[in-house]
Amino acid sequence: MINALIGFFIAILISALLTTRLYKLFFWYALNSLMLGSIAIILGLEITDKAMITTGIITIVIKFLLIPYILKYITKKFDIDRKAPPSLTIQYSIIIVPIILVFTFYLISPMLDSFGGNSNYVAIAISSLFLSLLLIIEQQNISARIVGFLFVENSLFLLGISAVEGMPMLIELGIFVDLMMLIIIINLLFKNEGETI
């Protein structure tokens, strides 16, 4: 089950890289967050970690439901351009994505044994991190770049729960506080962008 969810996690991220509409990008982020929350819940059930189960539920509520809604609301409020064409064409993206995936597995292959059964999850989490950074780099729209940063946070979260089989609850709560601060910053950035259009 977790293998399928992690497969969907990275497939959704690859779809986001090829997206040219802002609302579609919000949709892919919401789905990506749903997969992340589900992975956290299932891993928490497997290792009987109540903190991870709680974190998975909070992740789904905040990242799957709340943040995409806020992003969509702010986009409408400030009349932000909903086109988010990447600077890379689809042909180049289709070539770059497999290169990143292969490079990541090659890069961390000497360390995979130290992660035990979760080695593939760690490799996919690091690949997701690189793909999220590519999303930030290739986007010209500030709103799309902000979503790229949110994808980076999801990738780091996946890396944390797969590499060490759970993170302290205090760190997870700190991440959520950071996310709420990010929403405030997003509001200001969108307002500035809306005024310059």
C-alpha atoms as a PDB file:
ATOM      1  CA  MET A   1       0.000   0.000   0.000  1.00  0.00           C
ATOM      2  CA  ILE A   2       2.787   2.432   0.964  1.00  0.00           C
ATOM      3  CA  ASN A   3       4.656   1.593  -2.259  1.00  0.00           C
ATOM      4  CA  ALA A   4       1.594   2.624  -4.287  1.00  0.00           C
ATOM      5  CA  LEU A   5       1.126   5.849  -2.288  1.00  0.00           C
ATOM      6  CA  ILE A   6       4.782   6.831  -2.684  1.00  0.00           C
ATOM      7  CA  GLY A   7       4.537   6.044  -6.392  1.00  0.00           C
ATOM      8  CA  PHE A   8       1.518   8.354  -6.624  1.00  0.00           C
ATOM      9  CA  PHE A   9       3.401  10.969  -4.548  1.00  0.00           C
ATOM     10  CA  ILE A  10       6.223  11.282  -7.080  1.00  0.00           C
ATOM     11  CA  ALA A  11       3.939  10.829 -10.118  1.00  0.00           C
ATOM     12  CA  ILE A  12       1.820  13.776  -8.928  1.00  0.00           C
ATOM     13  CA  LEU A  13       4.966  15.871  -8.518  1.00  0.00           C
ATOM     14  CA  ILE A  14       6.047  15.025 -12.080  1.00  0.00           C
ATOM     15  CA  SER A  15       2.563  16.015 -13.302  1.00  0.00           C
ATOM     16  CA  ALA A  16       2.936  19.340 -11.471  1.00  0.00           C
ATOM     17  CA  LEU A  17       6.191  19.958 -13.358  1.00  0.00           C
ATOM     18  CA  LEU A  18       4.299  19.713 -16.654  1.00  0.00           C
ATOM     19  CA  THR A  19       1.372  21.910 -15.542  1.00  0.00           C
ATOM     20  CA  THR A  20       0.786  25.299 -17.166  1.00  0.00           C
ATOM     21  CA  ARG A  21      -2.225  26.467 -15.087  1.00  0.00           C
ATOM     22  CA  LEU A  22      -2.029  27.792 -11.533  1.00  0.00           C
ATOM     23  CA  TYR A  23      -5.229  26.123 -10.296  1.00  0.00           C
ATOM     24  CA  LYS A  24      -4.016  22.772 -11.629  1.00  0.00           C
ATOM     25  CA  LEU A  25      -0.813  23.316  -9.675  1.00  0.00           C
ATOM     26  CA  PHE A  26      -2.866  23.886  -6.497  1.00  0.00           C
ATOM     27  CA  PHE A  27      -4.796  20.690  -7.289  1.00  0.00           C
ATOM     28  CA  TRP A  28      -1.589  18.656  -7.720  1.00  0.00           C
ATOM     29  CA  TYR A  29      -0.227  20.069  -4.464  1.00  0.00           C
ATOM     30  CA  ALA A  30      -3.421  19.070  -2.639  1.00  0.00           C
ATOM     31  CA  LEU A  31      -3.241  15.521  -4.027  1.00  0.00           C
ATOM     32  CA  ASN A  32       0.475  15.307  -3.183  1.00  0.00           C
ATOM     33  CA  SER A  33      -0.318  16.351   0.398  1.00  0.00           C
ATOM     34  CA  LEU A  34      -3.121  13.766   0.596  1.00  0.00           C
ATOM     35  CA  MET A  35      -0.646  11.048  -0.397  1.00  0.00           C
ATOM     36  CA  LEU A  36       1.856  12.348   2.180  1.00  0.00           C
ATOM     37  CA  GLY A  37      -0.732  12.353   4.963  1.00  0.00           C
ATOM     38  CA  SER A  38      -1.879   8.848   4.025  1.00  0.00           C
ATOM     39  CA  ILE A  39       1.727   7.581   4.039  1.00  0.00           C
ATOM     40  CA  ALA A  40       2.266   9.081   7.506  1.00  0.00           C
ATOM     41  CA  ILE A  41      -0.941   7.465   8.827  1.00  0.00           C
ATOM     42  CA  ILE A  42      -0.124   4.021   7.402  1.00  0.00           C
ATOM     43  CA  LEU A  43       3.502   4.145   8.619  1.00  0.00           C
ATOM     44  CA  GLY A  44       2.241   5.281  12.024  1.00  0.00           C
ATOM     45  CA  LEU A  45      -0.127   2.312  12.178  1.00  0.00           C
ATOM     46  CA  GLU A  46       2.659  -0.077  11.161  1.00  0.00           C
ATOM     47  CA  ILE A  47       5.075   1.097  13.873  1.00  0.00           C
ATOM     48  CA  THR A  48       2.276   2.015  16.333  1.00  0.00           C
ATOM     49  CA  ASP A  49       3.323   5.650  16.570  1.00  0.00           C
ATOM     50  CA  LYS A  50       0.341   7.770  17.619  1.00  0.00           C
ATOM     51  CA  ALA A  51       2.244  11.004  17.013  1.00  0.00           C
ATOM     52  CA  MET A  52       2.809  10.080  13.361  1.00  0.00           C
ATOM     53  CA  ILE A  53      -0.844   9.100  12.901  1.00  0.00           C
ATOM     54  CA  THR A  54      -1.901  12.461  14.384  1.00  0.00           C
ATOM     55  CA  THR A  55       0.573  14.240  12.130  1.00  0.00           C
ATOM     56  CA  GLY A  56      -0.826  12.434   9.083  1.00  0.00           C
ATOM     57  CA  ILE A  57      -4.352  13.555   9.955  1.00  0.00           C
ATOM     58  CA  ILE A  58      -3.223  17.152  10.568  1.00  0.00           C
ATOM     59  CA  THR A  59      -1.300  17.073   7.270  1.00  0.00           C
ATOM     60  CA  ILE A  60      -4.437  16.068   5.381  1.00  0.00           C
ATOM     61  CA  VAL A  61      -6.553  18.744   7.082  1.00  0.00           C
ATOM     62  CA  ILE A  62      -4.051  21.588   6.660  1.00  0.00           C
ATOM     63  CA  LYS A  63      -2.219  20.763   3.438  1.00  0.00           C
ATOM     64  CA  PHE A  64      -4.916  18.908   1.507  1.00  0.00           C
ATOM     65  CA  LEU A  65      -7.894  21.072   2.488  1.00  0.00           C
ATOM     66  CA  LEU A  66      -6.842  24.389   4.028  1.00  0.00           C
ATOM     67  CA  ILE A  67      -3.736  25.587   2.130  1.00  0.00           C
ATOM     68  CA  PRO A  68      -5.044  24.957  -1.436  1.00  0.00           C
ATOM     69  CA  TYR A  69      -8.287  26.733  -0.507  1.00  0.00           C
ATOM     70  CA  ILE A  70      -6.351  29.730   0.873  1.00  0.00           C
ATOM     71  CA  LEU A  71      -4.116  29.841  -2.214  1.00  0.00           C
ATOM     72  CA  LYS A  72      -7.137  29.758  -4.521  1.00  0.00           C
ATOM     73  CA  TYR A  73      -8.908  32.440  -2.483  1.00  0.00           C
ATOM     74  CA  ILE A  74      -5.870  34.754  -2.529  1.00  0.00           C
ATOM     75  CA  THR A  75      -5.422  34.215  -6.280  1.00  0.00           C
ATOM     76  CA  LYS A  76      -9.034  35.275  -6.884  1.00  0.00           C
ATOM     77  CA  LYS A  77      -8.871  38.147  -4.400  1.00  0.00           C
ATOM     78  CA  PHE A  78      -5.829  39.793  -5.981  1.00  0.00           C
ATOM     79  CA  ASP A  79      -6.700  38.767  -9.545  1.00  0.00           C
ATOM     80  CA  ILE A  80      -3.390  36.948 -10.098  1.00  0.00           C
ATOM     81  CA  ASP A  81      -2.613  35.646 -13.583  1.00  0.00           C
ATOM     82  CA  ARG A  82      -3.667  31.984 -13.603  1.00  0.00           C
ATOM     83  CA  LYS A  83      -1.240  31.012 -16.328  1.00  0.00           C
ATOM     84  CA  ALA A  84       1.924  29.392 -14.991  1.00  0.00           C
ATOM     85  CA  PRO A  85       3.930  28.340 -18.037  1.00  0.00           C
ATOM     86  CA  PRO A  86       7.280  26.755 -17.114  1.00  0.00           C
ATOM     87  CA  SER A  87      10.398  28.205 -18.725  1.00  0.00           C
ATOM     88  CA  LEU A  88      11.378  24.682 -19.803  1.00  0.00           C
ATOM     89  CA  THR A  89       9.381  23.112 -22.601  1.00  0.00           C
ATOM     90  CA  ILE A  90       7.666  19.777 -22.001  1.00  0.00           C
ATOM     91  CA  GLN A  91      10.207  18.011 -24.232  1.00  0.00           C
ATOM     92  CA  TYR A  92      13.104  19.160 -22.027  1.00  0.00           C
ATOM     93  CA  SER A  93      11.189  18.316 -18.847  1.00  0.00           C
ATOM     94  CA  ILE A  94      10.528  14.784 -20.104  1.00  0.00           C
ATOM     95  CA  ILE A  95      14.288  14.375 -20.601  1.00  0.00           C
ATOM     96  CA  ILE A  96      15.355  16.036 -17.325  1.00  0.00           C
ATOM     97  CA  VAL A  97      12.965  14.177 -14.967  1.00  0.00           C
ATOM     98  CA  PRO A  98      14.350  10.643 -15.650  1.00  0.00           C
ATOM     99  CA  ILE A  99      17.901  12.016 -15.435  1.00  0.00           C
ATOM    100  CA  ILE A 100      17.141  13.419 -11.966  1.00  0.00           C
ATOM    101  CA  LEU A 101      15.580  10.125 -10.845  1.00  0.00           C
ATOM    102  CA  VAL A 102      18.527   8.018 -12.074  1.00  0.00           C
ATOM    103  CA  PHE A 103      21.087  10.509 -10.721  1.00  0.00           C
ATOM    104  CA  THR A 104      19.450  10.457  -7.276  1.00  0.00           C
ATOM    105  CA  PHE A 105      19.449   6.660  -7.028  1.00  0.00           C
ATOM    106  CA  TYR A 106      23.076   6.590  -8.200  1.00  0.00           C
ATOM    107  CA  LEU A 107      24.041   9.356  -5.763  1.00  0.00           C
ATOM    108  CA  ILE A 108      22.636   7.708  -2.642  1.00  0.00           C
ATOM    109  CA  SER A 109      23.126   4.030  -3.581  1.00  0.00           C
ATOM    110  CA  PRO A 110      26.180   3.685  -1.256  1.00  0.00           C
ATOM    111  CA  MET A 111      24.013   4.805   1.691  1.00  0.00           C
ATOM    112  CA  LEU A 112      20.844   2.819   0.901  1.00  0.00           C
ATOM    113  CA  ASP A 113      21.799  -0.189   3.054  1.00  0.00           C
ATOM    114  CA  SER A 114      21.856   1.957   6.194  1.00  0.00           C
ATOM    115  CA  PHE A 115      18.133   2.721   5.792  1.00  0.00           C
ATOM    116  CA  GLY A 116      17.044  -0.920   5.772  1.00  0.00           C
ATOM    117  CA  GLY A 117      13.597  -1.608   4.333  1.00  0.00           C
ATOM    118  CA  ASN A 118      12.871   2.073   3.753  1.00  0.00           C
ATOM    119  CA  SER A 119      15.806   2.650   1.370  1.00  0.00           C
ATOM    120  CA  ASN A 120      13.581   3.038  -1.710  1.00  0.00           C
ATOM    121  CA  TYR A 121      11.372   5.518   0.146  1.00  0.00           C
ATOM    122  CA  VAL A 122      14.410   7.622   1.025  1.00  0.00           C
ATOM    123  CA  ALA A 123      15.597   7.580  -2.605  1.00  0.00           C
ATOM    124  CA  ILE A 124      12.162   8.680  -3.836  1.00  0.00           C
ATOM    125  CA  ALA A 125      11.980  11.406  -1.157  1.00  0.00           C
ATOM    126  CA  ILE A 126      15.344  12.825  -2.264  1.00  0.00           C
ATOM    127  CA  SER A 127      14.264  12.600  -5.925  1.00  0.00           C
ATOM    128  CA  SER A 128      11.098  14.490  -4.987  1.00  0.00           C
ATOM    129  CA  LEU A 129      13.215  17.151  -3.326  1.00  0.00           C
ATOM    130  CA  PHE A 130      15.252  17.681  -6.513  1.00  0.00           C
ATOM    131  CA  LEU A 131      12.096  17.713  -8.655  1.00  0.00           C
ATOM    132  CA  SER A 132      10.521  20.301  -6.338  1.00  0.00           C
ATOM    133  CA  LEU A 133      13.600  22.493  -6.684  1.00  0.00           C
ATOM    134  CA  LEU A 134      13.333  22.111 -10.465  1.00  0.00           C
ATOM    135  CA  LEU A 135       9.707  23.267 -10.234  1.00  0.00           C
ATOM    136  CA  ILE A 136      10.829  26.416  -8.388  1.00  0.00           C
ATOM    137  CA  ILE A 137      13.617  27.103 -10.886  1.00  0.00           C
ATOM    138  CA  GLU A 138      11.539  26.598 -14.039  1.00  0.00           C
ATOM    139  CA  GLN A 139       8.558  28.725 -12.973  1.00  0.00           C
ATOM    140  CA  GLN A 140       8.393  32.449 -13.734  1.00  0.00           C
ATOM    141  CA  ASN A 141       5.110  33.034 -11.861  1.00  0.00           C
ATOM    142  CA  ILE A 142       5.759  33.912  -8.186  1.00  0.00           C
ATOM    143  CA  SER A 143       2.611  32.033  -7.149  1.00  0.00           C
ATOM    144  CA  ALA A 144       3.836  28.850  -8.827  1.00  0.00           C
ATOM    145  CA  ARG A 145       7.214  29.237  -7.135  1.00  0.00           C
ATOM    146  CA  ILE A 146       5.495  29.428  -3.759  1.00  0.00           C
ATOM    147  CA  VAL A 147       3.740  26.134  -4.543  1.00  0.00           C
ATOM    148  CA  GLY A 148       7.187  24.773  -5.450  1.00  0.00           C
ATOM    149  CA  PHE A 149       8.400  25.674  -1.952  1.00  0.00           C
ATOM    150  CA  LEU A 150       5.386  23.835  -0.518  1.00  0.00           C
ATOM    151  CA  PHE A 151       6.345  20.788  -2.591  1.00  0.00           C
ATOM    152  CA  VAL A 152       9.880  21.042  -1.147  1.00  0.00           C
ATOM    153  CA  GLU A 153       8.379  20.978   2.352  1.00  0.00           C
ATOM    154  CA  ASN A 154       6.346  17.871   1.464  1.00  0.00           C
ATOM    155  CA  SER A 155       9.483  16.167   0.134  1.00  0.00           C
ATOM    156  CA  LEU A 156      11.419  16.995   3.307  1.00  0.00           C
ATOM    157  CA  PHE A 157       8.520  15.670   5.387  1.00  0.00           C
ATOM    158  CA  LEU A 158       8.536  12.395   3.403  1.00  0.00           C
ATOM    159  CA  LEU A 159      12.316  12.154   3.821  1.00  0.00           C
ATOM    160  CA  GLY A 160      11.960  12.630   7.574  1.00  0.00           C
ATOM    161  CA  ILE A 161       9.295   9.972   8.097  1.00  0.00           C
ATOM    162  CA  SER A 162      10.943   7.442   5.757  1.00  0.00           C
ATOM    163  CA  ALA A 163      14.581   7.897   6.842  1.00  0.00           C
ATOM    164  CA  VAL A 164      14.079   7.762  10.607  1.00  0.00           C
ATOM    165  CA  GLU A 165      10.586   6.193  10.764  1.00  0.00           C
ATOM    166  CA  GLY A 166       9.048   9.207  12.386  1.00  0.00           C
ATOM    167  CA  MET A 167      10.002  12.648  13.647  1.00  0.00           C
ATOM    168  CA  PRO A 168       9.485  14.139  17.097  1.00  0.00           C
ATOM    169  CA  MET A 169       6.057  15.732  17.412  1.00  0.00           C
ATOM    170  CA  LEU A 170       7.652  19.056  18.386  1.00  0.00           C
ATOM    171  CA  ILE A 171       9.484  19.248  15.033  1.00  0.00           C
ATOM    172  CA  GLU A 172       6.283  18.427  13.161  1.00  0.00           C
ATOM    173  CA  LEU A 173       4.372  21.148  14.995  1.00  0.00           C
ATOM    174  CA  GLY A 174       7.208  23.543  14.189  1.00  0.00           C
ATOM    175  CA  ILE A 175       6.802  22.697  10.498  1.00  0.00           C
ATOM    176  CA  PHE A 176       3.087  23.507  10.674  1.00  0.00           C
ATOM    177  CA  VAL A 177       3.821  26.845  12.385  1.00  0.00           C
ATOM    178  CA  ASP A 178       6.284  27.603   9.578  1.00  0.00           C
ATOM    179  CA  LEU A 179       3.580  26.762   7.061  1.00  0.00           C
ATOM    180  CA  MET A 180       1.135  29.163   8.664  1.00  0.00           C
ATOM    181  CA  MET A 181       3.791  31.908   8.581  1.00  0.00           C
ATOM    182  CA  LEU A 182       4.343  31.035   4.922  1.00  0.00           C
ATOM    183  CA  ILE A 183       0.641  31.646   4.257  1.00  0.00           C
ATOM    184  CA  ILE A 184       1.006  35.170   5.677  1.00  0.00           C
ATOM    185  CA  ILE A 185       4.037  35.790   3.431  1.00  0.00           C
ATOM    186  CA  ILE A 186       2.127  34.346   0.463  1.00  0.00           C
ATOM    187  CA  ASN A 187      -0.700  36.801   1.152  1.00  0.00           C
ATOM    188  CA  LEU A 188       1.733  39.728   1.021  1.00  0.00           C
ATOM    189  CA  LEU A 189       3.463  38.460  -2.133  1.00  0.00           C
ATOM    190  CA  PHE A 190       0.168  37.890  -3.923  1.00  0.00           C
ATOM    191  CA  LYS A 191      -0.997  41.351  -2.901  1.00  0.00           C
ATOM    192  CA  ASN A 192       2.156  42.919  -4.331  1.00  0.00           C
ATOM    193  CA  GLU A 193       1.860  40.904  -7.523  1.00  0.00           C
ATOM    194  CA  GLY A 194      -1.811  41.830  -7.848  1.00  0.00           C
ATOM    195  CA  GLU A 195      -0.953  45.513  -7.509  1.00  0.00           C
ATOM    196  CA  THR A 196       1.757  45.360 -10.188  1.00  0.00           C
ATOM    197  CA  ILE A 197      -0.521  43.724 -12.775  1.00  0.00           C
END
